[in-house]
């Protein structure tokens, strides 16, 4: 299933919805203003657009409209990653991993988790 690609601002809002579940616009706005200058009406308009795009659902049964993410975090991450790998690394997951690990930023624990994941994939094949 293909989703609309969220903009950077929509992705920030989705992250709040994924973390906090169904919430009103005011809640989302209060978190956003701790990170950047944004007006309430801008937050409201963005969330309305997200509902139109199918990125969020809006419950209008009460006076305060409640929003919830309409797409899963995992689905969104996978689709954005697929597009990134295709566009940046010509579809090569190996080039992505080599670039990421070449920066020597992975901790020993992260490297152990990567090794365990590789082992699991090899065992499933």
N, C-alpha and C. Protein backbone atom coordinates (compact mmCIF):
# COMPACT_ATOMS: atom_id res chain seq x y z
N UNK A 1 0.84 -1.18 0.00
CA UNK A 1 0.00 0.00 0.00
C UNK A 1 0.88 1.24 0.00
N UNK A 2 0.62 2.15 -0.87
CA UNK A 2 1.40 3.36 -0.98
C UNK A 2 0.75 4.47 -0.16
N UNK A 3 1.57 5.20 0.55
CA UNK A 3 1.05 6.32 1.34
C UNK A 3 1.54 7.61 0.73
N UNK A 4 0.85 8.69 1.04
CA UNK A 4 1.35 10.00 0.67
C UNK A 4 2.61 10.25 1.48
N UNK A 5 3.62 10.78 0.82
CA UNK A 5 4.86 11.07 1.53
C UNK A 5 4.64 12.28 2.42
N UNK A 6 4.80 12.11 3.73
CA UNK A 6 4.61 13.27 4.62
C UNK A 6 5.75 14.27 4.46
N UNK A 7 5.39 15.55 4.57
CA UNK A 7 6.41 16.60 4.57
C UNK A 7 7.15 16.53 5.90
N UNK A 8 8.21 17.32 6.02
CA UNK A 8 8.97 17.35 7.28
C UNK A 8 8.08 17.77 8.45
N UNK A 9 7.26 18.79 8.23
CA UNK A 9 6.36 19.27 9.30
C UNK A 9 5.31 18.21 9.64
N UNK A 10 4.77 17.55 8.62
CA UNK A 10 3.78 16.48 8.87
C UNK A 10 4.43 15.32 9.62
N UNK A 11 5.66 15.02 9.31
CA UNK A 11 6.36 13.93 10.00
C UNK A 11 6.57 14.28 11.48
N UNK A 12 6.86 15.54 11.78
CA UNK A 12 6.97 15.96 13.18
C UNK A 12 5.65 15.74 13.92
N UNK A 13 4.55 16.06 13.27
CA UNK A 13 3.24 15.87 13.88
C UNK A 13 2.93 14.38 14.03
N UNK A 14 3.24 13.61 13.00
CA UNK A 14 3.02 12.16 13.09
C UNK A 14 3.79 11.56 14.26
N UNK A 15 5.00 12.01 14.48
CA UNK A 15 5.79 11.47 15.59
C UNK A 15 5.11 11.74 16.93
N UNK A 16 4.49 12.90 17.05
CA UNK A 16 3.74 13.22 18.28
C UNK A 16 2.52 12.32 18.39
N UNK A 17 1.81 12.13 17.29
CA UNK A 17 0.61 11.28 17.31
C UNK A 17 0.98 9.83 17.61
N UNK A 18 2.08 9.35 17.04
CA UNK A 18 2.52 7.97 17.32
C UNK A 18 2.89 7.80 18.79
N UNK A 19 3.54 8.78 19.35
CA UNK A 19 3.99 8.67 20.74
C UNK A 19 2.85 8.84 21.74
N UNK A 20 1.91 9.75 21.46
CA UNK A 20 0.90 10.10 22.46
C UNK A 20 -0.51 9.61 22.13
N UNK A 21 -0.70 9.03 20.95
CA UNK A 21 -2.03 8.52 20.61
C UNK A 21 -3.01 9.62 20.28
N UNK A 22 -4.30 9.34 20.39
CA UNK A 22 -5.33 10.34 20.03
C UNK A 22 -5.23 11.58 20.92
N UNK A 23 -5.01 12.74 20.28
CA UNK A 23 -4.85 13.99 21.02
C UNK A 23 -5.47 15.15 20.24
N UNK A 24 -5.83 16.22 20.96
CA UNK A 24 -6.35 17.41 20.28
C UNK A 24 -5.21 18.23 19.65
N UNK A 25 -5.57 19.13 18.76
CA UNK A 25 -4.60 19.99 18.09
C UNK A 25 -3.77 20.77 19.12
N UNK A 26 -4.41 21.28 20.16
CA UNK A 26 -3.71 22.09 21.17
C UNK A 26 -2.54 21.31 21.77
N UNK A 27 -2.74 20.02 22.06
CA UNK A 27 -1.68 19.18 22.62
C UNK A 27 -0.49 19.11 21.66
N UNK A 28 -0.79 18.84 20.39
CA UNK A 28 0.27 18.76 19.38
C UNK A 28 0.99 20.10 19.29
N UNK A 29 0.22 21.16 19.24
CA UNK A 29 0.80 22.51 19.11
C UNK A 29 1.74 22.82 20.29
N UNK A 30 1.34 22.48 21.50
CA UNK A 30 2.17 22.77 22.68
C UNK A 30 3.51 22.05 22.62
N UNK A 31 3.54 20.88 22.03
CA UNK A 31 4.82 20.16 21.87
C UNK A 31 5.65 20.81 20.76
N UNK A 32 4.99 21.16 19.65
CA UNK A 32 5.71 21.76 18.53
C UNK A 32 6.38 23.08 18.90
N UNK A 33 5.69 23.92 19.69
CA UNK A 33 6.27 25.24 20.02
C UNK A 33 7.49 25.14 20.93
N UNK A 34 7.71 23.98 21.55
CA UNK A 34 8.93 23.81 22.34
C UNK A 34 10.13 23.58 21.42
N UNK A 35 9.86 23.24 20.15
CA UNK A 35 10.94 22.94 19.19
C UNK A 35 11.16 24.05 18.18
N UNK A 36 10.08 24.79 17.84
CA UNK A 36 10.21 25.84 16.83
C UNK A 36 9.04 26.80 16.95
N UNK A 37 9.22 27.98 16.36
CA UNK A 37 8.14 28.98 16.39
C UNK A 37 7.09 28.60 15.35
N UNK A 38 5.89 28.31 15.83
CA UNK A 38 4.79 27.95 14.93
C UNK A 38 3.49 28.43 15.57
N UNK A 39 2.62 28.99 14.75
CA UNK A 39 1.35 29.48 15.26
C UNK A 39 0.33 28.36 15.38
N UNK A 40 -0.63 28.54 16.28
CA UNK A 40 -1.67 27.54 16.47
C UNK A 40 -2.44 27.28 15.18
N UNK A 41 -2.78 28.34 14.45
CA UNK A 41 -3.56 28.16 13.22
C UNK A 41 -2.77 27.39 12.17
N UNK A 42 -1.45 27.54 12.18
CA UNK A 42 -0.60 26.77 11.26
C UNK A 42 -0.66 25.29 11.62
N UNK A 43 -0.55 24.98 12.91
CA UNK A 43 -0.64 23.59 13.36
C UNK A 43 -2.00 23.00 12.99
N UNK A 44 -3.05 23.75 13.24
CA UNK A 44 -4.41 23.30 12.92
C UNK A 44 -4.54 23.02 11.43
N UNK A 45 -4.08 23.95 10.58
CA UNK A 45 -4.19 23.79 9.13
C UNK A 45 -3.40 22.57 8.66
N UNK A 46 -2.19 22.40 9.19
CA UNK A 46 -1.38 21.23 8.83
C UNK A 46 -2.11 19.93 9.16
N UNK A 47 -2.73 19.89 10.33
CA UNK A 47 -3.41 18.67 10.75
C UNK A 47 -4.67 18.43 9.92
N UNK A 48 -5.34 19.49 9.51
CA UNK A 48 -6.50 19.34 8.61
C UNK A 48 -6.06 18.79 7.26
N UNK A 49 -4.95 19.31 6.75
CA UNK A 49 -4.40 18.81 5.48
C UNK A 49 -4.00 17.35 5.62
N UNK A 50 -3.40 17.00 6.75
CA UNK A 50 -3.00 15.61 6.98
C UNK A 50 -4.22 14.69 6.96
N UNK A 51 -5.32 15.15 7.51
CA UNK A 51 -6.56 14.35 7.48
C UNK A 51 -7.05 14.19 6.05
N UNK A 52 -6.97 15.25 5.26
CA UNK A 52 -7.39 15.17 3.85
C UNK A 52 -6.49 14.23 3.05
N UNK A 53 -5.20 14.20 3.38
CA UNK A 53 -4.24 13.35 2.68
C UNK A 53 -4.28 11.90 3.15
N UNK A 54 -5.02 11.63 4.23
CA UNK A 54 -5.08 10.28 4.76
C UNK A 54 -3.94 9.93 5.69
N UNK A 55 -3.19 10.93 6.15
CA UNK A 55 -2.10 10.68 7.09
C UNK A 55 -2.58 10.64 8.53
N UNK A 56 -3.72 11.29 8.79
CA UNK A 56 -4.30 11.33 10.14
C UNK A 56 -5.81 11.20 10.02
N UNK A 57 -6.41 10.71 11.10
CA UNK A 57 -7.87 10.66 11.19
C UNK A 57 -8.32 11.66 12.23
N UNK A 58 -9.50 12.24 12.00
CA UNK A 58 -10.02 13.26 12.91
C UNK A 58 -11.37 12.80 13.44
N UNK A 59 -11.52 12.80 14.76
CA UNK A 59 -12.78 12.48 15.42
C UNK A 59 -13.47 13.81 15.75
N UNK A 60 -14.60 14.05 15.12
CA UNK A 60 -15.31 15.33 15.28
C UNK A 60 -16.56 15.19 16.13
N UNK A 61 -16.68 14.10 16.89
CA UNK A 61 -17.90 13.88 17.68
C UNK A 61 -18.00 14.85 18.86
N UNK A 62 -16.88 15.36 19.33
CA UNK A 62 -16.89 16.34 20.42
C UNK A 62 -16.49 17.71 19.88
N UNK A 63 -16.67 18.72 20.70
CA UNK A 63 -16.30 20.08 20.31
C UNK A 63 -14.81 20.16 19.99
N UNK A 64 -13.99 19.51 20.80
CA UNK A 64 -12.55 19.44 20.56
C UNK A 64 -12.27 18.28 19.62
N UNK A 65 -11.76 18.58 18.44
CA UNK A 65 -11.44 17.52 17.48
C UNK A 65 -10.19 16.78 17.93
N UNK A 66 -10.28 15.47 17.88
CA UNK A 66 -9.17 14.61 18.30
C UNK A 66 -8.56 13.98 17.05
N UNK A 67 -7.25 14.01 16.98
CA UNK A 67 -6.53 13.44 15.83
C UNK A 67 -5.73 12.22 16.27
N UNK A 68 -5.63 11.28 15.33
CA UNK A 68 -4.82 10.08 15.53
C UNK A 68 -4.15 9.77 14.20
N UNK A 69 -2.95 9.22 14.27
CA UNK A 69 -2.23 8.85 13.04
C UNK A 69 -3.04 7.80 12.29
N UNK A 70 -3.16 7.98 10.98
CA UNK A 70 -3.89 7.02 10.15
C UNK A 70 -2.95 6.01 9.52
N UNK A 71 -1.67 6.25 9.65
CA UNK A 71 -0.65 5.34 9.11
C UNK A 71 0.29 4.95 10.23
N UNK A 72 0.82 3.75 10.15
CA UNK A 72 1.69 3.27 11.22
C UNK A 72 3.09 3.86 11.09
N UNK A 73 3.76 3.93 12.22
CA UNK A 73 5.13 4.42 12.23
C UNK A 73 6.03 3.50 11.42
N UNK A 74 5.85 2.20 11.58
CA UNK A 74 6.68 1.22 10.88
C UNK A 74 6.47 1.32 9.37
N UNK A 75 5.22 1.43 8.94
CA UNK A 75 4.90 1.53 7.52
C UNK A 75 5.54 2.78 6.92
N UNK A 76 5.45 3.87 7.64
CA UNK A 76 6.00 5.14 7.16
C UNK A 76 7.52 5.06 7.10
N UNK A 77 8.14 4.54 8.15
CA UNK A 77 9.60 4.41 8.15
C UNK A 77 10.06 3.55 6.99
N UNK A 78 9.37 2.44 6.75
CA UNK A 78 9.77 1.52 5.68
C UNK A 78 9.67 2.20 4.32
N UNK A 79 8.56 2.90 4.09
CA UNK A 79 8.37 3.54 2.79
C UNK A 79 9.37 4.67 2.58
N UNK A 80 9.61 5.48 3.62
CA UNK A 80 10.58 6.56 3.50
C UNK A 80 11.99 6.01 3.31
N UNK A 81 12.31 4.93 4.02
CA UNK A 81 13.63 4.31 3.87
C UNK A 81 13.80 3.73 2.46
N UNK A 82 12.77 3.05 1.97
CA UNK A 82 12.83 2.49 0.61
C UNK A 82 13.11 3.59 -0.41
N UNK A 83 12.40 4.71 -0.28
CA UNK A 83 12.61 5.83 -1.21
C UNK A 83 14.00 6.41 -1.07
N UNK A 84 14.47 6.53 0.16
CA UNK A 84 15.81 7.07 0.41
C UNK A 84 16.88 6.16 -0.18
N UNK A 85 16.78 4.87 0.08
CA UNK A 85 17.78 3.92 -0.44
C UNK A 85 17.76 3.93 -1.97
N UNK A 86 16.59 3.94 -2.54
CA UNK A 86 16.47 3.95 -4.00
C UNK A 86 17.05 5.24 -4.59
N UNK A 87 16.70 6.37 -4.01
CA UNK A 87 17.12 7.65 -4.56
C UNK A 87 18.56 8.02 -4.26
N UNK A 88 19.07 7.61 -3.12
CA UNK A 88 20.40 8.03 -2.69
C UNK A 88 21.47 6.97 -2.96
N UNK A 89 21.11 5.70 -2.80
CA UNK A 89 22.08 4.62 -2.93
C UNK A 89 21.75 3.68 -4.10
N UNK A 90 20.96 4.18 -5.05
CA UNK A 90 20.55 3.41 -6.24
C UNK A 90 20.04 2.02 -5.87
N UNK A 91 19.30 1.96 -4.77
CA UNK A 91 18.65 0.72 -4.37
C UNK A 91 19.52 -0.25 -3.59
N UNK A 92 20.76 0.13 -3.31
CA UNK A 92 21.68 -0.78 -2.64
C UNK A 92 21.65 -0.58 -1.12
N UNK A 93 21.05 -1.54 -0.42
CA UNK A 93 21.04 -1.49 1.04
C UNK A 93 22.46 -1.62 1.58
N UNK A 94 23.31 -2.39 0.87
CA UNK A 94 24.68 -2.57 1.31
C UNK A 94 25.43 -1.24 1.32
N UNK A 95 25.25 -0.42 0.28
CA UNK A 95 25.92 0.88 0.24
C UNK A 95 25.46 1.75 1.40
N UNK A 96 24.18 1.69 1.73
CA UNK A 96 23.65 2.46 2.86
C UNK A 96 24.32 2.02 4.16
N UNK A 97 24.36 0.72 4.40
CA UNK A 97 24.94 0.19 5.64
C UNK A 97 26.43 0.50 5.70
N UNK A 98 27.13 0.34 4.59
CA UNK A 98 28.57 0.62 4.57
C UNK A 98 28.84 2.09 4.87
N UNK A 99 28.01 2.98 4.31
CA UNK A 99 28.17 4.41 4.57
C UNK A 99 27.91 4.71 6.05
N UNK A 100 26.83 4.13 6.58
CA UNK A 100 26.48 4.38 7.98
C UNK A 100 27.56 3.84 8.93
N UNK A 101 28.03 2.63 8.67
CA UNK A 101 29.03 2.03 9.55
C UNK A 101 30.41 2.62 9.33
N UNK A 102 30.66 3.17 8.15
CA UNK A 102 31.95 3.78 7.85
C UNK A 102 32.22 5.02 8.68
N UNK A 103 31.16 5.59 9.25
CA UNK A 103 31.33 6.78 10.08
C UNK A 103 31.77 6.43 11.50
N UNK A 104 31.88 5.15 11.81
CA UNK A 104 32.33 4.69 13.13
C UNK A 104 31.49 5.26 14.27
N UNK A 105 30.20 5.42 14.05
CA UNK A 105 29.34 5.98 15.09
C UNK A 105 28.55 4.90 15.82
N UNK A 106 28.61 3.67 15.36
CA UNK A 106 27.86 2.60 16.01
C UNK A 106 28.58 2.14 17.27
N UNK A 107 27.80 1.99 18.35
CA UNK A 107 28.37 1.50 19.61
C UNK A 107 28.57 -0.02 19.52
N UNK A 108 29.29 -0.56 20.49
CA UNK A 108 29.49 -2.03 20.52
C UNK A 108 28.15 -2.73 20.61
N UNK A 109 27.23 -2.19 21.42
CA UNK A 109 25.91 -2.80 21.57
C UNK A 109 25.14 -2.79 20.24
N UNK A 110 25.23 -1.67 19.52
CA UNK A 110 24.55 -1.58 18.22
C UNK A 110 25.17 -2.56 17.22
N UNK A 111 26.49 -2.66 17.22
CA UNK A 111 27.15 -3.62 16.33
C UNK A 111 26.73 -5.06 16.68
N UNK A 112 26.61 -5.37 17.97
CA UNK A 112 26.15 -6.70 18.38
C UNK A 112 24.73 -6.97 17.88
N UNK A 113 23.87 -5.94 17.94
CA UNK A 113 22.50 -6.09 17.45
C UNK A 113 22.49 -6.30 15.94
N UNK A 114 23.36 -5.59 15.23
CA UNK A 114 23.45 -5.76 13.78
C UNK A 114 23.91 -7.17 13.44
N UNK A 115 24.92 -7.66 14.18
CA UNK A 115 25.41 -9.02 13.96
C UNK A 115 24.30 -10.04 14.22
N UNK A 116 23.53 -9.83 15.28
CA UNK A 116 22.43 -10.74 15.60
C UNK A 116 21.37 -10.72 14.51
N UNK A 117 21.10 -9.55 13.97
CA UNK A 117 20.11 -9.43 12.89
C UNK A 117 20.59 -10.16 11.64
N UNK A 118 21.86 -10.00 11.30
CA UNK A 118 22.43 -10.70 10.14
C UNK A 118 22.34 -12.20 10.35
N UNK A 119 22.68 -12.65 11.55
CA UNK A 119 22.61 -14.09 11.89
C UNK A 119 21.16 -14.60 11.71
N UNK A 120 20.21 -13.83 12.19
CA UNK A 120 18.79 -14.22 12.09
C UNK A 120 18.36 -14.31 10.63
N UNK A 121 18.76 -13.33 9.82
CA UNK A 121 18.41 -13.34 8.40
C UNK A 121 19.03 -14.53 7.70
N UNK A 122 20.29 -14.82 8.01
CA UNK A 122 20.98 -15.97 7.39
C UNK A 122 20.30 -17.27 7.78
N UNK A 123 19.87 -17.40 9.03
CA UNK A 123 19.23 -18.61 9.49
C UNK A 123 17.85 -18.83 8.87
N UNK A 124 17.19 -17.74 8.49
CA UNK A 124 15.86 -17.84 7.88
C UNK A 124 15.93 -18.23 6.41
N UNK A 125 17.09 -18.00 5.79
CA UNK A 125 17.24 -18.31 4.35
C UNK A 125 17.48 -19.74 4.07
